[in-house]
Amino acid sequence: MALEGFLPYRLARAAENVSRQFAALYRKRHGMTRPEWRTLATIGQFNRITATEIGLHSSMHKTKVSRAIKTLEDRGWVTRQVDESDRRVEHLELTRDGRSHYMELVQLARRYEAKLIATLGQANAEQLSAGISAIEARLGE
């Protein structure tokens, strides 16, 4: 079997290439790793969330999430608040500085996505999105 013709392999390679290109942008601008970017983006999207919820939403292992949270907290971008009813749970929120960096990253992401769509062409981008949606619906996220 030629791997380069095997759809799962092609999808994985394409996703890795896109992710690597985008990672170069936010790493250069903010010195962030993939787990840090995904963690910041998830907290920014939901405003208040737990580490477990971040892991589920972003499909990251809890160790990667925990390390990313610690780094973001050390930068002053994230705060933790212990849950009053279950002290094992911490709720995470972005600080003002964290929100500012999140908004910059959102703009960076939108520009990157627009460039990617332009490269593909609108019709191909829509077909790709529909195909990804079909895979997610049938195989689960």
C-alpha atoms as a PDB file:
ATOM      1  CA  MET A   1       0.000   0.000   0.000  1.00  0.00           C
ATOM      2  CA  ALA A   2       1.263   3.466  -0.860  1.00  0.00           C
ATOM      3  CA  LEU A   3       0.768   5.604   2.225  1.00  0.00           C
ATOM      4  CA  GLU A   4       0.589   8.815   0.201  1.00  0.00           C
ATOM      5  CA  GLY A   5      -2.701   7.554  -1.295  1.00  0.00           C
ATOM      6  CA  PHE A   6      -4.218   6.344   2.011  1.00  0.00           C
ATOM      7  CA  LEU A   7      -6.845   8.887   3.104  1.00  0.00           C
ATOM      8  CA  PRO A   8      -6.203   8.714   6.887  1.00  0.00           C
ATOM      9  CA  TYR A   9      -2.494   9.236   6.267  1.00  0.00           C
ATOM     10  CA  ARG A  10      -3.150  12.142   3.918  1.00  0.00           C
ATOM     11  CA  LEU A  11      -5.494  13.782   6.429  1.00  0.00           C
ATOM     12  CA  ALA A  12      -2.928  13.426   9.218  1.00  0.00           C
ATOM     13  CA  ARG A  13      -0.149  14.871   7.058  1.00  0.00           C
ATOM     14  CA  ALA A  14      -2.290  17.776   5.881  1.00  0.00           C
ATOM     15  CA  ALA A  15      -3.381  18.571   9.443  1.00  0.00           C
ATOM     16  CA  GLU A  16       0.220  18.417  10.661  1.00  0.00           C
ATOM     17  CA  ASN A  17       1.425  20.724   7.883  1.00  0.00           C
ATOM     18  CA  VAL A  18      -1.299  23.294   8.549  1.00  0.00           C
ATOM     19  CA  SER A  19      -0.759  23.089  12.303  1.00  0.00           C
ATOM     20  CA  ARG A  20       3.021  23.450  11.940  1.00  0.00           C
ATOM     21  CA  GLN A  21       2.665  26.532   9.710  1.00  0.00           C
ATOM     22  CA  PHE A  22       0.253  28.182  12.115  1.00  0.00           C
ATOM     23  CA  ALA A  23       2.436  27.214  15.091  1.00  0.00           C
ATOM     24  CA  ALA A  24       5.364  29.063  13.531  1.00  0.00           C
ATOM     25  CA  LEU A  25       3.285  32.248  13.507  1.00  0.00           C
ATOM     26  CA  TYR A  26       2.146  32.213  17.141  1.00  0.00           C
ATOM     27  CA  ARG A  27       5.494  30.888  18.356  1.00  0.00           C
ATOM     28  CA  LYS A  28       7.289  33.776  16.642  1.00  0.00           C
ATOM     29  CA  ARG A  29       4.844  36.360  17.949  1.00  0.00           C
ATOM     30  CA  HIS A  30       4.146  35.031  21.468  1.00  0.00           C
ATOM     31  CA  GLY A  31       6.662  32.242  22.127  1.00  0.00           C
ATOM     32  CA  MET A  32       3.841  29.776  22.690  1.00  0.00           C
ATOM     33  CA  THR A  33       3.679  26.010  22.201  1.00  0.00           C
ATOM     34  CA  ARG A  34       0.719  24.195  20.601  1.00  0.00           C
ATOM     35  CA  PRO A  35      -0.738  23.139  23.973  1.00  0.00           C
ATOM     36  CA  GLU A  36      -0.397  26.711  25.267  1.00  0.00           C
ATOM     37  CA  TRP A  37      -2.126  28.141  22.189  1.00  0.00           C
ATOM     38  CA  ARG A  38      -4.945  25.603  22.364  1.00  0.00           C
ATOM     39  CA  THR A  39      -5.373  26.142  26.102  1.00  0.00           C
ATOM     40  CA  LEU A  40      -5.424  29.934  25.779  1.00  0.00           C
ATOM     41  CA  ALA A  41      -7.869  29.715  22.865  1.00  0.00           C
ATOM     42  CA  THR A  42     -10.180  27.363  24.747  1.00  0.00           C
ATOM     43  CA  ILE A  43     -10.251  29.504  27.883  1.00  0.00           C
ATOM     44  CA  GLY A  44     -10.820  32.583  25.722  1.00  0.00           C
ATOM     45  CA  GLN A  45     -13.682  30.908  23.893  1.00  0.00           C
ATOM     46  CA  PHE A  46     -15.505  29.771  27.035  1.00  0.00           C
ATOM     47  CA  ASN A  47     -14.389  32.535  29.467  1.00  0.00           C
ATOM     48  CA  ARG A  48     -14.482  30.208  32.499  1.00  0.00           C
ATOM     49  CA  ILE A  49     -13.563  26.545  32.228  1.00  0.00           C
ATOM     50  CA  THR A  50     -11.815  23.704  34.060  1.00  0.00           C
ATOM     51  CA  ALA A  51      -8.663  21.875  32.998  1.00  0.00           C
ATOM     52  CA  THR A  52     -10.681  18.692  32.430  1.00  0.00           C
ATOM     53  CA  GLU A  53     -13.045  20.557  30.123  1.00  0.00           C
ATOM     54  CA  ILE A  54     -10.095  22.034  28.221  1.00  0.00           C
ATOM     55  CA  GLY A  55      -8.698  18.545  27.671  1.00  0.00           C
ATOM     56  CA  LEU A  56     -12.017  17.259  26.383  1.00  0.00           C
ATOM     57  CA  HIS A  57     -12.606  20.242  24.116  1.00  0.00           C
ATOM     58  CA  SER A  58      -9.100  20.352  22.649  1.00  0.00           C
ATOM     59  CA  SER A  59      -8.355  16.597  22.630  1.00  0.00           C
ATOM     60  CA  MET A  60      -5.197  17.149  24.652  1.00  0.00           C
ATOM     61  CA  HIS A  61      -3.828  14.885  27.378  1.00  0.00           C
ATOM     62  CA  LYS A  62      -4.290  16.226  30.899  1.00  0.00           C
ATOM     63  CA  THR A  63      -0.523  16.508  31.411  1.00  0.00           C
ATOM     64  CA  LYS A  64      -0.166  18.832  28.410  1.00  0.00           C
ATOM     65  CA  VAL A  65      -3.118  20.893  29.590  1.00  0.00           C
ATOM     66  CA  SER A  66      -1.700  21.151  33.105  1.00  0.00           C
ATOM     67  CA  ARG A  67       1.720  22.287  31.850  1.00  0.00           C
ATOM     68  CA  ALA A  68       0.133  24.813  29.498  1.00  0.00           C
ATOM     69  CA  ILE A  69      -2.009  26.239  32.296  1.00  0.00           C
ATOM     70  CA  LYS A  70       1.044  26.571  34.542  1.00  0.00           C
ATOM     71  CA  THR A  71       2.995  28.418  31.829  1.00  0.00           C
ATOM     72  CA  LEU A  72       0.071  30.728  31.058  1.00  0.00           C
ATOM     73  CA  GLU A  73      -0.413  31.381  34.762  1.00  0.00           C
ATOM     74  CA  ASP A  74       3.303  32.173  35.161  1.00  0.00           C
ATOM     75  CA  ARG A  75       2.961  34.707  32.325  1.00  0.00           C
ATOM     76  CA  GLY A  76       0.064  36.333  34.145  1.00  0.00           C
ATOM     77  CA  TRP A  77      -2.440  35.402  31.443  1.00  0.00           C
ATOM     78  CA  VAL A  78      -4.599  32.964  33.463  1.00  0.00           C
ATOM     79  CA  THR A  79      -6.054  32.904  36.958  1.00  0.00           C
ATOM     80  CA  ARG A  80      -7.327  29.905  38.919  1.00  0.00           C
ATOM     81  CA  GLN A  81     -10.250  29.876  41.332  1.00  0.00           C
ATOM     82  CA  VAL A  82     -10.984  26.852  43.480  1.00  0.00           C
ATOM     83  CA  ASP A  83     -14.556  25.580  43.176  1.00  0.00           C
ATOM     84  CA  GLU A  84     -16.408  26.174  46.431  1.00  0.00           C
ATOM     85  CA  SER A  85     -18.403  22.933  46.266  1.00  0.00           C
ATOM     86  CA  ASP A  86     -15.514  20.711  45.079  1.00  0.00           C
ATOM     87  CA  ARG A  87     -12.091  21.944  46.116  1.00  0.00           C
ATOM     88  CA  ARG A  88     -10.398  19.503  43.690  1.00  0.00           C
ATOM     89  CA  VAL A  89     -11.740  21.556  40.770  1.00  0.00           C
ATOM     90  CA  GLU A  90     -10.235  24.842  39.619  1.00  0.00           C
ATOM     91  CA  HIS A  91     -11.977  27.275  37.311  1.00  0.00           C
ATOM     92  CA  LEU A  92      -9.717  29.069  34.872  1.00  0.00           C
ATOM     93  CA  GLU A  93     -10.179  32.531  33.410  1.00  0.00           C
ATOM     94  CA  LEU A  94      -8.038  34.880  31.374  1.00  0.00           C
ATOM     95  CA  THR A  95      -6.597  37.948  33.038  1.00  0.00           C
ATOM     96  CA  ARG A  96      -6.832  41.315  31.293  1.00  0.00           C
ATOM     97  CA  ASP A  97      -3.362  40.687  29.827  1.00  0.00           C
ATOM     98  CA  GLY A  98      -4.386  37.150  28.853  1.00  0.00           C
ATOM     99  CA  ARG A  99      -7.524  38.451  27.138  1.00  0.00           C
ATOM    100  CA  SER A 100      -5.408  40.956  25.200  1.00  0.00           C
ATOM    101  CA  HIS A 101      -3.059  38.206  23.989  1.00  0.00           C
ATOM    102  CA  TYR A 102      -6.028  35.991  23.201  1.00  0.00           C
ATOM    103  CA  MET A 103      -7.564  38.720  21.023  1.00  0.00           C
ATOM    104  CA  GLU A 104      -4.251  39.151  19.175  1.00  0.00           C
ATOM    105  CA  LEU A 105      -4.123  35.398  18.592  1.00  0.00           C
ATOM    106  CA  VAL A 106      -7.704  35.393  17.334  1.00  0.00           C
ATOM    107  CA  GLN A 107      -6.764  37.997  14.738  1.00  0.00           C
ATOM    108  CA  LEU A 108      -3.657  36.014  13.792  1.00  0.00           C
ATOM    109  CA  ALA A 109      -5.772  32.860  13.450  1.00  0.00           C
ATOM    110  CA  ARG A 110      -8.370  34.606  11.313  1.00  0.00           C
ATOM    111  CA  ARG A 111      -5.691  35.976   8.975  1.00  0.00           C
ATOM    112  CA  TYR A 112      -4.086  32.537   8.701  1.00  0.00           C
ATOM    113  CA  GLU A 113      -7.442  30.890   8.004  1.00  0.00           C
ATOM    114  CA  ALA A 114      -8.279  33.509   5.347  1.00  0.00           C
ATOM    115  CA  LYS A 115      -4.916  32.879   3.679  1.00  0.00           C
ATOM    116  CA  LEU A 116      -5.523  29.124   3.745  1.00  0.00           C
ATOM    117  CA  ILE A 117      -9.011  29.551   2.255  1.00  0.00           C
ATOM    118  CA  ALA A 118      -7.598  31.818  -0.446  1.00  0.00           C
ATOM    119  CA  THR A 119      -4.979  29.189  -1.253  1.00  0.00           C
ATOM    120  CA  LEU A 120      -7.640  26.489  -1.558  1.00  0.00           C
ATOM    121  CA  GLY A 121     -10.260  28.644  -3.225  1.00  0.00           C
ATOM    122  CA  GLN A 122     -13.684  29.221  -1.684  1.00  0.00           C
ATOM    123  CA  ALA A 123     -15.380  26.209  -3.329  1.00  0.00           C
ATOM    124  CA  ASN A 124     -12.627  23.791  -2.294  1.00  0.00           C
ATOM    125  CA  ALA A 125     -12.565  25.227   1.223  1.00  0.00           C
ATOM    126  CA  GLU A 126     -16.323  24.695   1.538  1.00  0.00           C
ATOM    127  CA  GLN A 127     -16.017  21.122   0.246  1.00  0.00           C
ATOM    128  CA  LEU A 128     -13.173  20.419   2.661  1.00  0.00           C
ATOM    129  CA  SER A 129     -15.221  21.832   5.547  1.00  0.00           C
ATOM    130  CA  ALA A 130     -18.192  19.679   4.556  1.00  0.00           C
ATOM    131  CA  GLY A 131     -15.958  16.608   4.356  1.00  0.00           C
ATOM    132  CA  ILE A 132     -14.453  17.265   7.773  1.00  0.00           C
ATOM    133  CA  SER A 133     -17.952  17.778   9.203  1.00  0.00           C
ATOM    134  CA  ALA A 134     -19.049  14.441   7.734  1.00  0.00           C
ATOM    135  CA  ILE A 135     -16.057  12.668   9.272  1.00  0.00           C
ATOM    136  CA  GLU A 136     -16.711  14.274  12.660  1.00  0.00           C
ATOM    137  CA  ALA A 137     -20.418  13.394  12.527  1.00  0.00           C
ATOM    138  CA  ARG A 138     -19.832   9.769  11.586  1.00  0.00           C
ATOM    139  CA  LEU A 139     -16.665   8.992  13.509  1.00  0.00           C
ATOM    140  CA  GLY A 140     -17.045  11.362  16.450  1.00  0.00           C
ATOM    141  CA  GLU A 141     -14.649  14.075  17.525  1.00  0.00           C
END
